[in-house]
Amino acid sequence: MLNERHILAENAFVEMVVWLLFAPLSKSRHSYKYRLALIVAGNCVVRYDNESGKGDHKHIGDNEAPYVFISPKALLDDFWKDVEKWRF
């Protein structure tokens, strides 16, 4: 299980929560539930999550795209890469 908050600047932080389920969510092939978010000035500008019935996906600004989950490590690496692209 992961539950962390990282302050990046006065007006920006990252929140990451990942936990293991007993069984995969609907539309998922793995047993992890997660939500990773970059919040800047009160707005969520990058978010990775896997809602039940919707599956793995990410939000970058106003755009939503499917996300291919490989492993928890790859998930965190991919998220931090998108955070770095957005950095202020």
N, C-alpha and C. Protein backbone atom coordinates (compact mmCIF):
# COMPACT_ATOMS: atom_id res chain seq x y z
N MET A 1 0.85 -1.18 0.00
CA MET A 1 0.00 0.00 0.00
C MET A 1 0.88 1.23 0.00
N LEU A 2 0.45 2.23 -0.75
CA LEU A 2 1.14 3.51 -0.82
C LEU A 2 0.12 4.60 -0.53
N ASN A 3 0.50 5.54 0.33
CA ASN A 3 -0.35 6.68 0.64
C ASN A 3 0.58 7.84 0.99
N GLU A 4 0.89 8.68 -0.01
CA GLU A 4 1.88 9.74 0.16
C GLU A 4 1.38 11.06 -0.41
N ARG A 5 1.89 12.12 0.20
CA ARG A 5 1.66 13.47 -0.32
C ARG A 5 3.02 14.17 -0.37
N HIS A 6 3.32 14.76 -1.53
CA HIS A 6 4.58 15.47 -1.74
C HIS A 6 4.27 16.92 -2.09
N ILE A 7 4.78 17.84 -1.30
CA ILE A 7 4.62 19.26 -1.59
C ILE A 7 5.70 19.65 -2.60
N LEU A 8 5.29 20.17 -3.75
CA LEU A 8 6.23 20.53 -4.80
C LEU A 8 6.53 22.02 -4.84
N ALA A 9 5.58 22.82 -4.41
CA ALA A 9 5.71 24.28 -4.41
C ALA A 9 4.64 24.82 -3.47
N GLU A 10 4.66 26.11 -3.27
CA GLU A 10 3.67 26.72 -2.39
C GLU A 10 2.24 26.40 -2.80
N ASN A 11 2.02 26.30 -4.11
CA ASN A 11 0.66 26.08 -4.61
C ASN A 11 0.47 24.74 -5.33
N ALA A 12 1.40 23.79 -5.11
CA ALA A 12 1.32 22.53 -5.85
C ALA A 12 1.75 21.34 -4.98
N PHE A 13 1.01 20.24 -5.14
CA PHE A 13 1.38 19.01 -4.44
C PHE A 13 0.94 17.81 -5.26
N VAL A 14 1.54 16.67 -4.94
CA VAL A 14 1.18 15.39 -5.54
C VAL A 14 0.62 14.52 -4.43
N GLU A 15 -0.48 13.82 -4.74
CA GLU A 15 -1.04 12.85 -3.82
C GLU A 15 -1.10 11.51 -4.55
N MET A 16 -0.58 10.47 -3.88
CA MET A 16 -0.52 9.14 -4.50
C MET A 16 -1.07 8.10 -3.53
N VAL A 17 -2.07 7.35 -3.99
CA VAL A 17 -2.65 6.28 -3.20
C VAL A 17 -2.76 5.05 -4.10
N VAL A 18 -2.16 3.95 -3.65
CA VAL A 18 -2.23 2.68 -4.39
C VAL A 18 -2.45 1.58 -3.36
N TRP A 19 -3.41 0.71 -3.61
CA TRP A 19 -3.61 -0.42 -2.71
C TRP A 19 -3.98 -1.66 -3.50
N LEU A 20 -3.77 -2.81 -2.86
CA LEU A 20 -4.02 -4.10 -3.48
C LEU A 20 -5.40 -4.60 -3.06
N LEU A 21 -6.19 -5.03 -4.03
CA LEU A 21 -7.52 -5.57 -3.79
C LEU A 21 -7.48 -7.09 -3.80
N PHE A 22 -8.55 -7.72 -3.34
CA PHE A 22 -8.63 -9.17 -3.39
C PHE A 22 -8.87 -9.68 -4.82
N ALA A 23 -9.50 -8.85 -5.64
CA ALA A 23 -9.80 -9.24 -7.02
C ALA A 23 -9.79 -7.97 -7.88
N PRO A 24 -9.55 -8.12 -9.18
CA PRO A 24 -9.54 -6.95 -10.06
C PRO A 24 -10.89 -6.23 -10.09
N LEU A 25 -10.84 -4.93 -10.30
CA LEU A 25 -12.05 -4.14 -10.54
C LEU A 25 -12.60 -4.49 -11.92
N SER A 26 -13.85 -4.17 -12.15
CA SER A 26 -14.44 -4.33 -13.47
C SER A 26 -13.63 -3.52 -14.48
N LYS A 27 -13.30 -4.10 -15.61
CA LYS A 27 -12.52 -3.50 -16.70
C LYS A 27 -11.02 -3.47 -16.41
N SER A 28 -10.55 -4.15 -15.36
CA SER A 28 -9.11 -4.21 -15.06
C SER A 28 -8.63 -5.65 -15.10
N ARG A 29 -7.36 -5.82 -15.45
CA ARG A 29 -6.75 -7.16 -15.49
C ARG A 29 -5.79 -7.36 -14.32
N HIS A 30 -5.76 -6.40 -13.40
CA HIS A 30 -4.85 -6.47 -12.24
C HIS A 30 -5.66 -6.17 -10.98
N SER A 31 -5.06 -6.41 -9.84
CA SER A 31 -5.76 -6.25 -8.57
C SER A 31 -5.36 -5.00 -7.80
N TYR A 32 -4.90 -3.98 -8.50
CA TYR A 32 -4.53 -2.73 -7.85
C TYR A 32 -5.60 -1.67 -8.07
N LYS A 33 -5.86 -0.90 -7.06
CA LYS A 33 -6.72 0.29 -7.14
C LYS A 33 -5.80 1.47 -6.88
N TYR A 34 -5.94 2.54 -7.66
CA TYR A 34 -5.03 3.67 -7.47
C TYR A 34 -5.67 4.99 -7.87
N ARG A 35 -5.10 6.04 -7.29
CA ARG A 35 -5.38 7.40 -7.72
C ARG A 35 -4.11 8.20 -7.44
N LEU A 36 -3.62 8.82 -8.47
CA LEU A 36 -2.42 9.64 -8.40
C LEU A 36 -2.79 10.99 -8.99
N ALA A 37 -2.45 12.06 -8.30
CA ALA A 37 -2.89 13.38 -8.79
C ALA A 37 -1.84 14.45 -8.53
N LEU A 38 -1.71 15.36 -9.48
CA LEU A 38 -0.94 16.59 -9.33
C LEU A 38 -1.96 17.72 -9.24
N ILE A 39 -1.92 18.44 -8.12
CA ILE A 39 -2.83 19.56 -7.90
C ILE A 39 -2.00 20.84 -7.93
N VAL A 40 -2.40 21.79 -8.77
CA VAL A 40 -1.72 23.09 -8.88
C VAL A 40 -2.77 24.17 -8.72
N ALA A 41 -2.54 25.06 -7.75
CA ALA A 41 -3.47 26.17 -7.48
C ALA A 41 -4.91 25.68 -7.32
N GLY A 42 -5.06 24.54 -6.65
CA GLY A 42 -6.40 24.01 -6.39
C GLY A 42 -7.02 23.23 -7.54
N ASN A 43 -6.32 23.10 -8.67
CA ASN A 43 -6.84 22.38 -9.83
C ASN A 43 -6.06 21.10 -10.07
N CYS A 44 -6.77 20.03 -10.34
CA CYS A 44 -6.14 18.76 -10.68
C CYS A 44 -5.72 18.83 -12.15
N VAL A 45 -4.40 18.83 -12.41
CA VAL A 45 -3.91 18.99 -13.77
C VAL A 45 -3.38 17.69 -14.38
N VAL A 46 -3.01 16.73 -13.51
CA VAL A 46 -2.61 15.40 -13.96
C VAL A 46 -3.23 14.41 -12.99
N ARG A 47 -3.91 13.38 -13.51
CA ARG A 47 -4.49 12.36 -12.64
C ARG A 47 -4.48 11.02 -13.35
N TYR A 48 -4.04 10.00 -12.64
CA TYR A 48 -4.12 8.62 -13.10
C TYR A 48 -5.08 7.92 -12.13
N ASP A 49 -6.04 7.16 -12.65
CA ASP A 49 -6.92 6.40 -11.78
C ASP A 49 -7.55 5.25 -12.54
N ASN A 50 -8.23 4.40 -11.79
CA ASN A 50 -8.91 3.26 -12.41
C ASN A 50 -10.25 3.04 -11.70
N GLU A 51 -11.22 3.78 -12.14
CA GLU A 51 -12.57 3.65 -11.60
C GLU A 51 -13.16 2.30 -11.99
N SER A 52 -13.95 1.74 -11.10
CA SER A 52 -14.65 0.50 -11.40
C SER A 52 -15.56 0.70 -12.61
N GLY A 53 -15.45 -0.18 -13.58
CA GLY A 53 -16.27 -0.08 -14.78
C GLY A 53 -15.67 0.79 -15.87
N LYS A 54 -14.67 1.61 -15.53
CA LYS A 54 -14.05 2.48 -16.51
C LYS A 54 -12.65 2.01 -16.86
N GLY A 55 -11.98 1.35 -15.94
CA GLY A 55 -10.64 0.83 -16.20
C GLY A 55 -9.55 1.87 -16.03
N ASP A 56 -8.35 1.49 -16.42
CA ASP A 56 -7.17 2.33 -16.25
C ASP A 56 -7.18 3.48 -17.25
N HIS A 57 -6.96 4.70 -16.74
CA HIS A 57 -6.91 5.87 -17.63
C HIS A 57 -6.17 7.00 -16.92
N LYS A 58 -5.87 8.04 -17.70
CA LYS A 58 -5.20 9.21 -17.14
C LYS A 58 -5.82 10.47 -17.70
N HIS A 59 -5.70 11.53 -16.93
CA HIS A 59 -6.18 12.85 -17.31
C HIS A 59 -4.97 13.77 -17.33
N ILE A 60 -4.76 14.44 -18.44
CA ILE A 60 -3.71 15.45 -18.55
C ILE A 60 -4.42 16.72 -18.98
N GLY A 61 -4.47 17.69 -18.06
CA GLY A 61 -5.28 18.87 -18.33
C GLY A 61 -6.73 18.45 -18.52
N ASP A 62 -7.33 18.89 -19.61
CA ASP A 62 -8.73 18.54 -19.91
C ASP A 62 -8.87 17.26 -20.73
N ASN A 63 -7.74 16.63 -21.08
CA ASN A 63 -7.78 15.44 -21.93
C ASN A 63 -7.74 14.16 -21.10
N GLU A 64 -8.52 13.17 -21.52
CA GLU A 64 -8.52 11.85 -20.88
C GLU A 64 -8.08 10.83 -21.91
N ALA A 65 -7.24 9.88 -21.48
CA ALA A 65 -6.73 8.85 -22.39
C ALA A 65 -6.62 7.53 -21.63
N PRO A 66 -6.76 6.41 -22.35
CA PRO A 66 -6.54 5.11 -21.70
C PRO A 66 -5.10 5.02 -21.20
N TYR A 67 -4.91 4.23 -20.16
CA TYR A 67 -3.57 3.98 -19.63
C TYR A 67 -3.37 2.47 -19.58
N VAL A 68 -2.23 1.99 -20.03
CA VAL A 68 -1.91 0.57 -19.99
C VAL A 68 -1.11 0.29 -18.72
N PHE A 69 -1.76 -0.36 -17.76
CA PHE A 69 -1.12 -0.69 -16.49
C PHE A 69 -0.22 -1.90 -16.68
N ILE A 70 1.06 -1.76 -16.31
CA ILE A 70 2.02 -2.87 -16.40
C ILE A 70 2.38 -3.37 -15.01
N SER A 71 2.70 -2.43 -14.12
CA SER A 71 3.08 -2.77 -12.75
C SER A 71 2.96 -1.50 -11.90
N PRO A 72 2.93 -1.64 -10.57
CA PRO A 72 2.90 -0.44 -9.73
C PRO A 72 4.11 0.47 -9.97
N LYS A 73 5.29 -0.11 -10.13
CA LYS A 73 6.49 0.70 -10.38
C LYS A 73 6.37 1.48 -11.68
N ALA A 74 5.93 0.82 -12.75
CA ALA A 74 5.76 1.50 -14.03
C ALA A 74 4.70 2.60 -13.92
N LEU A 75 3.64 2.35 -13.17
CA LEU A 75 2.60 3.35 -12.95
C LEU A 75 3.20 4.61 -12.33
N LEU A 76 3.96 4.43 -11.25
CA LEU A 76 4.57 5.59 -10.59
C LEU A 76 5.57 6.30 -11.50
N ASP A 77 6.39 5.53 -12.23
CA ASP A 77 7.34 6.13 -13.16
C ASP A 77 6.62 6.95 -14.23
N ASP A 78 5.57 6.40 -14.82
CA ASP A 78 4.82 7.11 -15.86
C ASP A 78 4.17 8.37 -15.31
N PHE A 79 3.59 8.26 -14.12
CA PHE A 79 2.96 9.42 -13.49
C PHE A 79 3.98 10.53 -13.27
N TRP A 80 5.14 10.20 -12.67
CA TRP A 80 6.15 11.23 -12.40
C TRP A 80 6.68 11.85 -13.70
N LYS A 81 6.75 11.08 -14.78
CA LYS A 81 7.16 11.65 -16.07
C LYS A 81 6.16 12.71 -16.53
N ASP A 82 4.86 12.43 -16.39
CA ASP A 82 3.85 13.41 -16.77
C ASP A 82 3.85 14.61 -15.84
N VAL A 83 4.13 14.39 -14.55
CA VAL A 83 4.24 15.51 -13.61
C VAL A 83 5.39 16.41 -14.03
N GLU A 84 6.53 15.83 -14.37
CA GLU A 84 7.69 16.63 -14.78
C GLU A 84 7.40 17.43 -16.06
N LYS A 85 6.64 16.85 -16.98
CA LYS A 85 6.27 17.59 -18.20
C LYS A 85 5.40 18.80 -17.87
N TRP A 86 4.60 18.70 -16.82
CA TRP A 86 3.67 19.75 -16.45
C TRP A 86 4.32 20.82 -15.57
N ARG A 87 5.47 20.48 -14.99
CA ARG A 87 6.09 21.34 -13.95
C ARG A 87 6.04 22.80 -14.33
N PHE A 88 5.83 23.60 -13.36
CA PHE A 88 5.57 25.02 -13.43
C PHE A 88 6.82 25.84 -13.34
